[in-house]
Amino acid sequence: MWYLWAFRTMRAYAPYVTLPFAAVVGYLGYKFEGAISSKYTPYKEPIKEARNERQLTEESLRSAADVEKLKYSANVLGKNLSPSLQ
């Protein structure tokens, strides 16, 4: 019956054992990652500003009067007709 006593003891003291173990593993992992990775993040302009700049440089958007008209080559509903309806 000694194994029941050992099991109860391990279950009761598990948080006291696992917390320091997890803290040591986490600390070592943090230090290891800091040693092998670079901490420099290059500057990247915001997406909204990049989009605005790109839109200002496009030739087709310079004048509001130069808008191309949409042209449909055929009726949209007539594209997938069955042979009996043609």
C-alpha atoms as a PDB file:
ATOM      1  CA  MET A   1       0.000   0.000   0.000  1.00  0.00           C
ATOM      2  CA  TRP A   2       3.000   2.267   0.023  1.00  0.00           C
ATOM      3  CA  TYR A   3       2.358   3.107  -3.660  1.00  0.00           C
ATOM      4  CA  LEU A   4      -0.994   4.700  -2.743  1.00  0.00           C
ATOM      5  CA  TRP A   5       0.759   6.914  -0.229  1.00  0.00           C
ATOM      6  CA  ALA A   6       3.394   7.850  -2.857  1.00  0.00           C
ATOM      7  CA  PHE A   7       0.725   8.583  -5.461  1.00  0.00           C
ATOM      8  CA  ARG A   8      -1.230  10.809  -3.068  1.00  0.00           C
ATOM      9  CA  THR A   9       1.949  12.622  -2.064  1.00  0.00           C
ATOM     10  CA  MET A  10       2.978  13.258  -5.683  1.00  0.00           C
ATOM     11  CA  ARG A  11      -0.506  14.470  -6.523  1.00  0.00           C
ATOM     12  CA  ALA A  12      -0.543  16.837  -3.559  1.00  0.00           C
ATOM     13  CA  TYR A  13       2.909  18.315  -4.228  1.00  0.00           C
ATOM     14  CA  ALA A  14       2.805  18.358  -8.044  1.00  0.00           C
ATOM     15  CA  PRO A  15       2.244  22.144  -8.334  1.00  0.00           C
ATOM     16  CA  TYR A  16       5.241  22.817  -6.090  1.00  0.00           C
ATOM     17  CA  VAL A  17       7.463  20.689  -8.329  1.00  0.00           C
ATOM     18  CA  THR A  18       6.151  21.620 -11.771  1.00  0.00           C
ATOM     19  CA  LEU A  19       6.033  25.409 -11.281  1.00  0.00           C
ATOM     20  CA  PRO A  20       9.781  25.832 -10.621  1.00  0.00           C
ATOM     21  CA  PHE A  21      10.564  23.342 -13.400  1.00  0.00           C
ATOM     22  CA  ALA A  22       8.396  25.247 -15.875  1.00  0.00           C
ATOM     23  CA  ALA A  23       9.943  28.557 -14.783  1.00  0.00           C
ATOM     24  CA  VAL A  24      13.481  27.268 -15.370  1.00  0.00           C
ATOM     25  CA  VAL A  25      12.593  25.825 -18.787  1.00  0.00           C
ATOM     26  CA  GLY A  26      10.837  29.059 -19.790  1.00  0.00           C
ATOM     27  CA  TYR A  27      13.757  31.224 -18.670  1.00  0.00           C
ATOM     28  CA  LEU A  28      16.291  29.107 -20.536  1.00  0.00           C
ATOM     29  CA  GLY A  29      14.136  29.120 -23.681  1.00  0.00           C
ATOM     30  CA  TYR A  30      13.747  32.901 -23.512  1.00  0.00           C
ATOM     31  CA  LYS A  31      17.500  33.421 -23.180  1.00  0.00           C
ATOM     32  CA  PHE A  32      18.277  30.910 -25.952  1.00  0.00           C
ATOM     33  CA  GLU A  33      15.832  32.551 -28.359  1.00  0.00           C
ATOM     34  CA  GLY A  34      17.231  35.981 -27.552  1.00  0.00           C
ATOM     35  CA  ALA A  35      20.747  34.759 -28.298  1.00  0.00           C
ATOM     36  CA  ILE A  36      19.991  33.251 -31.708  1.00  0.00           C
ATOM     37  CA  SER A  37      17.424  35.696 -33.116  1.00  0.00           C
ATOM     38  CA  SER A  38      17.807  39.279 -34.188  1.00  0.00           C
ATOM     39  CA  LYS A  39      15.811  41.881 -32.340  1.00  0.00           C
ATOM     40  CA  TYR A  40      15.853  44.378 -35.197  1.00  0.00           C
ATOM     41  CA  THR A  41      12.575  44.892 -37.029  1.00  0.00           C
ATOM     42  CA  PRO A  42      12.893  47.042 -40.152  1.00  0.00           C
ATOM     43  CA  TYR A  43      10.494  49.922 -40.641  1.00  0.00           C
ATOM     44  CA  LYS A  44       7.651  49.257 -43.023  1.00  0.00           C
ATOM     45  CA  GLU A  45       5.218  51.990 -43.943  1.00  0.00           C
ATOM     46  CA  PRO A  46       1.571  51.397 -43.105  1.00  0.00           C
ATOM     47  CA  ILE A  47      -0.542  49.637 -45.712  1.00  0.00           C
ATOM     48  CA  LYS A  48      -2.967  52.539 -45.945  1.00  0.00           C
ATOM     49  CA  GLU A  49      -0.187  54.990 -46.821  1.00  0.00           C
ATOM     50  CA  ALA A  50       1.319  52.607 -49.381  1.00  0.00           C
ATOM     51  CA  ARG A  51      -2.069  52.190 -51.038  1.00  0.00           C
ATOM     52  CA  ASN A  52      -2.623  55.938 -51.200  1.00  0.00           C
ATOM     53  CA  GLU A  53       0.808  56.474 -52.765  1.00  0.00           C
ATOM     54  CA  ARG A  54       0.226  53.722 -55.305  1.00  0.00           C
ATOM     55  CA  GLN A  55      -3.141  55.161 -56.275  1.00  0.00           C
ATOM     56  CA  LEU A  56      -1.671  58.631 -56.725  1.00  0.00           C
ATOM     57  CA  THR A  57       1.024  57.328 -59.055  1.00  0.00           C
ATOM     58  CA  GLU A  58      -1.269  55.294 -61.333  1.00  0.00           C
ATOM     59  CA  GLU A  59      -1.913  56.988 -64.649  1.00  0.00           C
ATOM     60  CA  SER A  60      -5.493  55.794 -64.994  1.00  0.00           C
ATOM     61  CA  LEU A  61      -6.548  57.541 -61.789  1.00  0.00           C
ATOM     62  CA  ARG A  62      -5.106  60.976 -62.520  1.00  0.00           C
ATOM     63  CA  SER A  63      -8.264  62.433 -64.063  1.00  0.00           C
ATOM     64  CA  ALA A  64     -11.860  61.670 -63.182  1.00  0.00           C
ATOM     65  CA  ALA A  65     -12.922  62.360 -66.807  1.00  0.00           C
ATOM     66  CA  ASP A  66     -10.798  59.513 -68.236  1.00  0.00           C
ATOM     67  CA  VAL A  67     -12.906  56.642 -66.962  1.00  0.00           C
ATOM     68  CA  GLU A  68     -13.259  53.668 -69.261  1.00  0.00           C
ATOM     69  CA  LYS A  69     -16.786  52.496 -69.902  1.00  0.00           C
ATOM     70  CA  LEU A  70     -17.624  48.917 -68.971  1.00  0.00           C
ATOM     71  CA  LYS A  71     -18.450  46.863 -72.014  1.00  0.00           C
ATOM     72  CA  TYR A  72     -20.257  43.552 -71.964  1.00  0.00           C
ATOM     73  CA  SER A  73     -19.700  41.367 -75.012  1.00  0.00           C
ATOM     74  CA  ALA A  74     -22.875  39.305 -74.591  1.00  0.00           C
ATOM     75  CA  ASN A  75     -25.889  38.918 -72.405  1.00  0.00           C
ATOM     76  CA  VAL A  76     -24.886  37.399 -69.105  1.00  0.00           C
ATOM     77  CA  LEU A  77     -27.990  35.246 -68.905  1.00  0.00           C
ATOM     78  CA  GLY A  78     -27.467  33.809 -72.380  1.00  0.00           C
ATOM     79  CA  LYS A  79     -24.089  32.213 -71.722  1.00  0.00           C
ATOM     80  CA  ASN A  80     -25.130  28.866 -70.267  1.00  0.00           C
ATOM     81  CA  LEU A  81     -28.101  27.932 -72.421  1.00  0.00           C
ATOM     82  CA  SER A  82     -28.890  24.295 -72.908  1.00  0.00           C
ATOM     83  CA  PRO A  83     -28.918  23.007 -76.501  1.00  0.00           C
ATOM     84  CA  SER A  84     -32.705  22.652 -76.469  1.00  0.00           C
ATOM     85  CA  LEU A  85     -33.152  26.367 -75.713  1.00  0.00           C
ATOM     86  CA  GLN A  86     -30.767  27.557 -78.422  1.00  0.00           C
END
